[in-house]
Protein backbone atom coordinates (compact mmCIF):
# COMPACT_ATOMS: atom_id res chain seq x y z
CA MET A 1 30.33 63.70 3.45
CA GLU A 2 26.99 64.01 1.66
CA GLU A 3 26.10 61.59 -1.02
CA GLY A 4 24.37 62.55 -4.34
CA ILE A 5 21.82 60.60 -6.10
CA GLY A 6 24.57 58.45 -7.65
CA LEU A 7 24.04 58.67 -11.39
CA VAL A 8 27.81 58.80 -11.49
CA LEU A 9 29.54 56.39 -8.71
CA ILE A 10 32.96 57.10 -7.69
CA GLU A 11 34.37 54.08 -5.73
CA LEU A 12 37.39 54.29 -3.59
CA CYS A 13 39.38 51.78 -1.62
CA ASP A 14 40.00 52.58 2.11
CA TYR A 15 43.74 52.02 1.66
CA ASN A 16 44.05 54.32 -1.30
CA GLN A 17 46.12 57.52 -1.26
CA LEU A 18 42.99 59.26 -2.60
CA THR A 19 40.13 59.97 -0.01
CA PRO A 20 36.72 61.27 -0.29
CA GLU A 21 38.10 64.56 1.08
CA HIS A 22 40.09 65.08 -2.03
CA LEU A 23 36.70 64.79 -3.97
CA LYS A 24 34.71 67.34 -2.18
CA LYS A 25 34.38 69.63 -5.09
CA ILE A 26 33.29 66.89 -7.56
CA VAL A 27 31.01 65.25 -4.99
CA SER A 28 29.22 68.69 -4.42
CA ARG A 29 27.42 67.87 -7.75
CA PRO A 30 24.06 66.28 -6.96
CA GLU A 31 24.53 63.58 -9.69
CA VAL A 32 27.68 62.19 -7.98
CA ALA A 33 28.03 59.84 -5.13
CA VAL A 34 31.20 58.44 -3.50
CA MET A 35 31.46 54.95 -1.90
CA SER A 36 34.46 53.91 -0.07
CA TYR A 37 35.05 50.21 0.47
CA ASP A 38 37.47 48.20 2.49
CA CYS A 39 38.95 46.67 -0.69
CA LEU A 40 38.07 46.99 -4.52
CA ASN A 41 39.94 43.87 -5.31
CA ARG A 42 42.65 45.69 -7.55
CA CYS A 43 45.30 44.10 -5.39
CA GLY A 44 48.15 46.54 -4.63
CA MET A 45 47.00 49.38 -6.97
CA CYS A 46 45.93 51.58 -4.04
CA SER A 47 49.39 51.25 -2.56
CA MET A 48 51.10 52.34 -5.92
CA CYS A 49 49.24 55.41 -6.98
CA PRO A 50 45.86 57.26 -6.32
CA PHE A 51 42.98 55.58 -8.11
CA ALA A 52 39.29 55.39 -8.28
CA MET A 53 36.62 53.67 -10.17
CA VAL A 54 34.16 55.85 -11.86
CA ASN A 55 31.16 54.02 -12.99
CA GLY A 56 33.36 50.99 -13.48
CA THR A 57 36.19 52.79 -15.21
CA ARG A 58 39.46 52.62 -13.43
CA ILE A 59 41.07 56.13 -13.17
CA PHE A 60 44.73 56.56 -11.86
CA ALA A 61 47.57 59.03 -12.00
CA GLY A 62 50.89 59.66 -10.39
CA THR A 63 49.73 62.39 -8.01
CA ILE A 64 46.59 62.97 -6.08
CA ASP A 65 45.80 66.26 -8.06
CA ALA A 66 46.21 64.66 -11.36
CA CYS A 67 43.90 61.82 -10.43
CA VAL A 68 41.22 64.22 -9.09
CA GLU A 69 41.46 66.10 -12.49
CA LYS A 70 41.09 62.92 -14.37
CA ILE A 71 38.13 61.80 -12.20
CA SER A 72 36.46 65.19 -12.79
CA HIS A 73 36.83 64.68 -16.55
CA GLN A 74 35.50 61.25 -16.40
CA VAL A 75 32.39 62.43 -14.35
CA ASP A 76 31.81 64.90 -17.11
CA VAL A 77 32.04 62.17 -19.78
CA GLU A 78 29.68 59.88 -17.76
CA LEU A 79 27.18 62.75 -17.39
CA ARG A 80 27.15 63.51 -21.06
CA LYS A 81 26.36 59.88 -21.75
CA LEU A 82 23.16 60.41 -19.65
CA SER A 83 21.90 63.54 -21.38
């Protein structure tokens, strides 16, 4: 997956239900980068529900689709802060 310039950083745990593949549409924006780590030290959260960190803000939801929608919204919020 190509990475953007990283004005907005989405961080994922490798054990998460959510994967970089789920974020392809969001990551197609050049301002957004995704980093996947072995562990984000949120003990157990990755096994309970899909989640990601967006510029340090924890985003989670009951389903992958709902989480992707929330991540997309948070990316928009973060980009508005920069403009």
